[in-house]
Amino acid sequence: MNWTILRESLLNMLLGSRKIVYKGLVKDCLSLMCDLSQFTVFSEETSYHKNSSGEQHHEIDYAMALALPEVKKCTCTVLKTLLVMIMELDSSRRIADHQGLTTRADGVRTPVVDIIWMNSFMTMIFFVLFFRLLLKLLQVFDPKWKLEIVVQYFLKYITKYSVQTRRSSGKVSIENLNGVLKCLSNRTSTRSIIKKISTELIQLLLAYAFQAHLLLSYQHVSKGLSDKMEDDKSNSIVEVCKNMISAFTCLRQENP
């Protein structure tokens, strides 16, 4: 990861331009992705219309009805690709910041993950509506980013007992699902978190994160890892499973 090259990339310069309303762009992309994630089903009855002279344009209407789902799908894919590229840039920026490679000239930009959660809660008129929006967003993204979104959300509410400066030496610790589960397995941490997040939402997010973690592990194995790496991956899955059970047990004890 070369932050100097990424800093001068076209995407980073465009996002930092004052001519672009960055947050508005991300929110519009998220809104369109949620709307386009559910394709409208067209029937033959809705594809036949008569004009004032009684002529039928069923052929044109039927062609449009067939093409529209593909247009929606392609649009959603393009928007997702754009957001993933921005999230990749945010991830590289976060690592560079920990390593002390960023400067004031890089500016400040809200990460896409933060905007996703910010946008979700701003539209939370009712709890059910928030759940529907959350489900749509998590279903659109790939397992890697689904897991990243959930982990980063939990990290906002997990108490950090040690603070690492951006120029501190040593390997940068990357928070992951296992770390979140270990915190939720602690009754003191869990009691503090459920005061800010409902138990139902925690369980839903953990389920999505666990599903994404299993899919990522399967993808790594499918690509052909060495025996040692497969053993490490299996041990990781076993550990995550144990911590998942422990976390749900702790949630049940705190909120029976």
Protein backbone atom coordinates (compact mmCIF):
# COMPACT_ATOMS: atom_id res chain seq x y z
CA MET A 1 0.00 0.00 0.00
CA ASN A 2 1.59 3.24 -1.25
CA TRP A 3 -0.38 6.15 0.16
CA THR A 4 1.60 8.66 -1.92
CA ILE A 5 0.22 7.13 -5.10
CA LEU A 6 -3.30 6.80 -3.69
CA ARG A 7 -3.22 10.42 -2.49
CA GLU A 8 -2.64 11.58 -6.05
CA SER A 9 -5.20 9.21 -7.56
CA LEU A 10 -8.05 10.66 -9.62
CA LEU A 11 -10.69 9.29 -7.24
CA ASN A 12 -9.10 10.88 -4.17
CA MET A 13 -8.75 14.23 -5.93
CA LEU A 14 -12.36 14.13 -7.13
CA LEU A 15 -13.70 13.30 -3.67
CA GLY A 16 -11.65 16.14 -2.17
CA SER A 17 -12.85 18.66 -4.74
CA ARG A 18 -15.11 21.45 -3.53
CA LYS A 19 -17.19 21.06 -6.69
CA ILE A 20 -18.53 17.75 -5.39
CA VAL A 21 -20.88 17.47 -2.43
CA TYR A 22 -19.27 14.32 -1.08
CA LYS A 23 -21.82 13.34 1.58
CA GLY A 24 -24.70 14.08 -0.75
CA LEU A 25 -23.14 11.88 -3.43
CA VAL A 26 -22.73 8.94 -1.06
CA LYS A 27 -26.25 9.33 0.35
CA ASP A 28 -27.75 9.46 -3.15
CA CYS A 29 -25.83 6.31 -4.11
CA LEU A 30 -27.06 4.51 -1.00
CA SER A 31 -30.64 5.62 -1.59
CA LEU A 32 -30.60 4.47 -5.22
CA MET A 33 -29.00 1.14 -4.29
CA CYS A 34 -31.72 0.48 -1.73
CA ASP A 35 -34.44 1.32 -4.25
CA LEU A 36 -32.87 -0.72 -7.05
CA SER A 37 -32.01 -3.74 -4.93
CA GLN A 38 -35.59 -4.99 -5.26
CA PHE A 39 -36.51 -5.42 -8.89
CA THR A 40 -40.05 -4.70 -9.92
CA VAL A 41 -41.86 -7.70 -11.30
CA PHE A 42 -43.79 -6.92 -14.45
CA SER A 43 -46.76 -8.90 -15.61
CA GLU A 44 -48.29 -9.09 -19.05
CA GLU A 45 -51.34 -7.24 -17.82
CA THR A 46 -49.31 -4.18 -16.86
CA SER A 47 -47.42 -4.16 -20.17
CA TYR A 48 -50.51 -3.54 -22.29
CA HIS A 49 -51.81 0.03 -22.50
CA LYS A 50 -54.13 1.75 -24.92
CA ASN A 51 -53.80 5.33 -26.05
CA SER A 52 -56.63 7.69 -26.88
CA SER A 53 -57.02 6.26 -30.41
CA GLY A 54 -57.24 2.74 -29.05
CA GLU A 55 -53.90 1.57 -30.49
CA GLN A 56 -51.85 -0.85 -28.43
CA HIS A 57 -48.14 -0.35 -27.81
CA HIS A 58 -47.67 -3.68 -26.11
CA GLU A 59 -44.49 -4.51 -28.05
CA ILE A 60 -42.68 -1.37 -26.90
CA ASP A 61 -44.03 -1.69 -23.36
CA TYR A 62 -43.06 -5.35 -23.18
CA ALA A 63 -39.52 -4.60 -24.41
CA MET A 64 -39.14 -1.88 -21.81
CA ALA A 65 -40.48 -4.20 -19.12
CA LEU A 66 -37.86 -6.80 -20.06
CA ALA A 67 -34.99 -4.30 -20.25
CA LEU A 68 -35.76 -2.33 -17.10
CA PRO A 69 -34.70 -5.02 -14.56
CA GLU A 70 -31.33 -5.37 -16.32
CA VAL A 71 -30.88 -1.59 -16.34
CA LYS A 72 -31.63 -1.51 -12.62
CA LYS A 73 -29.21 -4.35 -11.96
CA CYS A 74 -26.38 -2.72 -13.94
CA THR A 75 -26.99 0.64 -12.27
CA CYS A 76 -26.88 -0.95 -8.83
CA THR A 77 -23.64 -2.75 -9.74
CA VAL A 78 -21.98 0.46 -10.92
CA LEU A 79 -23.00 2.33 -7.76
CA LYS A 80 -21.75 -0.52 -5.58
CA THR A 81 -18.42 -0.54 -7.43
CA LEU A 82 -18.02 3.20 -6.83
CA LEU A 83 -18.75 2.88 -3.11
CA VAL A 84 -16.39 -0.10 -2.79
CA MET A 85 -13.59 1.90 -4.44
CA ILE A 86 -14.19 4.74 -1.98
CA MET A 87 -14.23 2.32 0.96
CA GLU A 88 -10.95 0.79 -0.26
CA LEU A 89 -9.52 4.30 -0.31
CA ASP A 90 -10.86 4.97 3.20
CA SER A 91 -9.29 1.75 4.45
CA SER A 92 -5.91 2.67 2.95
CA ARG A 93 -6.23 6.16 4.42
CA ARG A 94 -6.92 4.71 7.88
CA ILE A 95 -3.84 2.46 7.69
CA ALA A 96 -1.68 5.32 6.43
CA ASP A 97 -2.94 7.53 9.23
CA HIS A 98 -1.95 4.92 11.84
CA GLN A 99 1.49 4.71 10.26
CA GLY A 100 1.91 8.49 10.31
CA LEU A 101 1.98 8.84 6.53
CA THR A 102 -0.83 11.39 6.25
CA THR A 103 -0.52 15.15 6.56
CA ARG A 104 -2.88 18.09 6.89
CA ALA A 105 -2.76 18.46 3.13
CA ASP A 106 -4.74 15.22 2.85
CA GLY A 107 -7.74 16.96 4.39
CA VAL A 108 -10.56 15.38 6.35
CA ARG A 109 -13.28 13.24 4.77
CA THR A 110 -15.96 11.24 6.51
CA PRO A 111 -15.56 7.51 5.69
CA VAL A 112 -18.34 5.87 3.68
CA VAL A 113 -19.03 3.40 6.50
CA ASP A 114 -19.77 6.28 8.88
CA ILE A 115 -22.08 7.89 6.32
CA ILE A 116 -23.92 4.59 5.88
CA TRP A 117 -24.73 4.38 9.58
CA MET A 118 -25.38 8.10 9.81
CA ASN A 119 -27.82 7.93 6.91
CA SER A 120 -29.50 4.85 8.36
CA PHE A 121 -30.21 6.50 11.71
CA MET A 122 -31.30 9.80 10.15
CA THR A 123 -34.02 7.90 8.27
CA MET A 124 -35.03 5.89 11.35
CA ILE A 125 -38.58 7.18 11.71
CA PHE A 126 -39.72 3.84 13.04
CA PHE A 127 -37.63 0.93 14.23
CA VAL A 128 -39.09 -1.39 11.56
CA LEU A 129 -38.19 1.04 8.77
CA PHE A 130 -34.61 1.15 10.03
CA PHE A 131 -34.42 -2.64 9.99
CA ARG A 132 -35.66 -2.74 6.39
CA LEU A 133 -33.10 -0.12 5.30
CA LEU A 134 -30.34 -1.95 7.14
CA LEU A 135 -31.24 -5.27 5.52
CA LYS A 136 -31.20 -3.71 2.05
CA LEU A 137 -27.78 -2.11 2.58
CA LEU A 138 -26.16 -5.25 3.96
CA GLN A 139 -27.61 -7.43 1.21
CA VAL A 140 -26.16 -5.23 -1.51
CA PHE A 141 -22.51 -5.30 -0.40
CA ASP A 142 -20.03 -8.16 -0.75
CA PRO A 143 -19.08 -10.22 2.35
CA LYS A 144 -15.82 -8.31 2.87
CA TRP A 145 -17.53 -4.93 3.11
CA LYS A 146 -20.58 -6.30 4.90
CA LEU A 147 -18.22 -7.48 7.64
CA GLU A 148 -16.32 -4.19 7.61
CA ILE A 149 -19.52 -2.14 7.98
CA VAL A 150 -20.73 -4.18 10.95
CA VAL A 151 -17.35 -4.24 12.73
CA GLN A 152 -16.79 -0.50 12.33
CA TYR A 153 -20.27 0.15 13.70
CA PHE A 154 -19.61 -1.90 16.85
CA LEU A 155 -16.27 -0.17 17.36
CA LYS A 156 -18.13 3.11 17.82
CA TYR A 157 -19.72 1.76 21.00
CA ILE A 158 -16.96 -0.46 22.38
CA THR A 159 -14.87 1.18 25.08
CA LYS A 160 -11.23 1.44 24.05
CA TYR A 161 -9.06 0.77 27.07
CA SER A 162 -5.81 1.56 25.30
CA VAL A 163 -5.16 4.31 22.77
CA GLN A 164 -2.52 3.96 20.09
CA THR A 165 -1.06 7.15 18.69
CA ARG A 166 -0.85 7.54 14.93
CA ARG A 167 2.95 7.60 15.05
CA SER A 168 3.45 4.84 17.57
CA SER A 169 5.87 2.09 16.63
CA GLY A 170 5.00 -1.53 16.14
CA LYS A 171 2.46 -3.37 14.09
CA VAL A 172 -0.94 -1.73 13.79
CA SER A 173 -3.65 -3.86 15.32
CA ILE A 174 -6.62 -4.32 12.99
CA GLU A 175 -9.98 -4.77 14.72
CA ASN A 176 -11.97 -7.73 13.50
CA LEU A 177 -15.09 -9.74 14.25
CA ASN A 178 -13.27 -11.88 16.80
CA GLY A 179 -12.31 -8.80 18.79
CA VAL A 180 -15.89 -7.54 18.77
CA LEU A 181 -17.18 -10.91 19.94
CA LYS A 182 -14.68 -11.02 22.79
CA CYS A 183 -15.90 -7.61 23.97
CA LEU A 184 -19.51 -8.76 23.77
CA SER A 185 -18.55 -11.86 25.78
CA ASN A 186 -17.62 -9.59 28.67
CA ARG A 187 -20.71 -8.80 30.79
CA THR A 188 -19.44 -5.34 31.72
CA SER A 189 -18.86 -4.38 28.07
CA THR A 190 -22.14 -5.94 26.98
CA ARG A 191 -24.08 -4.10 29.66
CA SER A 192 -22.58 -0.83 28.45
CA ILE A 193 -23.26 -1.55 24.77
CA ILE A 194 -26.92 -2.59 25.15
CA LYS A 195 -27.61 0.78 26.73
CA LYS A 196 -26.81 2.34 23.33
CA ILE A 197 -27.89 -0.42 20.95
CA SER A 198 -30.90 -2.69 21.27
CA THR A 199 -30.30 -6.40 21.80
CA GLU A 200 -32.29 -7.23 18.65
CA LEU A 201 -30.06 -5.02 16.51
CA ILE A 202 -26.89 -6.49 18.04
CA GLN A 203 -28.07 -10.02 17.29
CA LEU A 204 -29.03 -9.10 13.72
CA LEU A 205 -25.66 -7.46 13.03
CA LEU A 206 -23.74 -10.37 14.55
CA ALA A 207 -25.67 -12.80 12.35
CA TYR A 208 -24.78 -10.83 9.21
CA ALA A 209 -21.15 -10.49 10.30
CA PHE A 210 -20.87 -14.21 11.06
CA GLN A 211 -22.37 -15.09 7.68
CA ALA A 212 -19.91 -12.76 5.93
CA HIS A 213 -16.98 -14.21 7.90
CA LEU A 214 -17.91 -17.77 6.85
CA LEU A 215 -18.26 -16.75 3.20
CA LEU A 216 -14.87 -15.03 3.24
CA SER A 217 -13.26 -18.07 4.84
CA TYR A 218 -14.80 -20.33 2.20
CA GLN A 219 -13.53 -18.05 -0.57
CA HIS A 220 -10.01 -18.17 0.85
CA VAL A 221 -10.07 -21.95 0.98
CA SER A 222 -11.51 -22.18 -2.55
CA LYS A 223 -8.60 -20.13 -3.90
CA GLY A 224 -6.22 -22.86 -2.73
CA LEU A 225 -4.37 -22.21 0.51
CA SER A 226 -1.52 -24.24 1.92
CA ASP A 227 -2.20 -26.85 4.62
CA LYS A 228 -0.81 -24.59 7.32
CA MET A 229 -2.96 -21.66 6.21
CA GLU A 230 -6.03 -23.91 6.06
CA ASP A 231 -5.33 -25.08 9.61
CA ASP A 232 -4.97 -21.48 10.78
CA LYS A 233 -8.19 -20.57 9.02
CA SER A 234 -10.03 -23.50 10.58
CA ASN A 235 -8.77 -22.55 14.03
CA SER A 236 -9.94 -19.00 13.37
CA ILE A 237 -13.43 -20.22 12.45
CA VAL A 238 -13.55 -22.43 15.54
CA GLU A 239 -12.52 -19.52 17.74
CA VAL A 240 -15.07 -17.21 16.15
CA CYS A 241 -17.79 -19.81 16.65
CA LYS A 242 -16.91 -20.20 20.32
CA ASN A 243 -16.86 -16.43 20.84
CA MET A 244 -20.16 -16.10 18.95
CA ILE A 245 -21.81 -18.58 21.34
CA SER A 246 -20.28 -16.78 24.30
CA ALA A 247 -21.49 -13.39 23.05
CA PHE A 248 -25.08 -14.59 22.51
CA THR A 249 -25.04 -16.26 25.93
CA CYS A 250 -23.92 -13.02 27.53
CA LEU A 251 -26.62 -11.07 25.66
CA ARG A 252 -29.26 -13.50 26.86
CA GLN A 253 -28.08 -13.17 30.46
CA GLU A 254 -28.16 -9.38 30.32
CA ASN A 255 -31.49 -9.21 28.54
CA PRO A 256 -33.44 -12.39 29.37
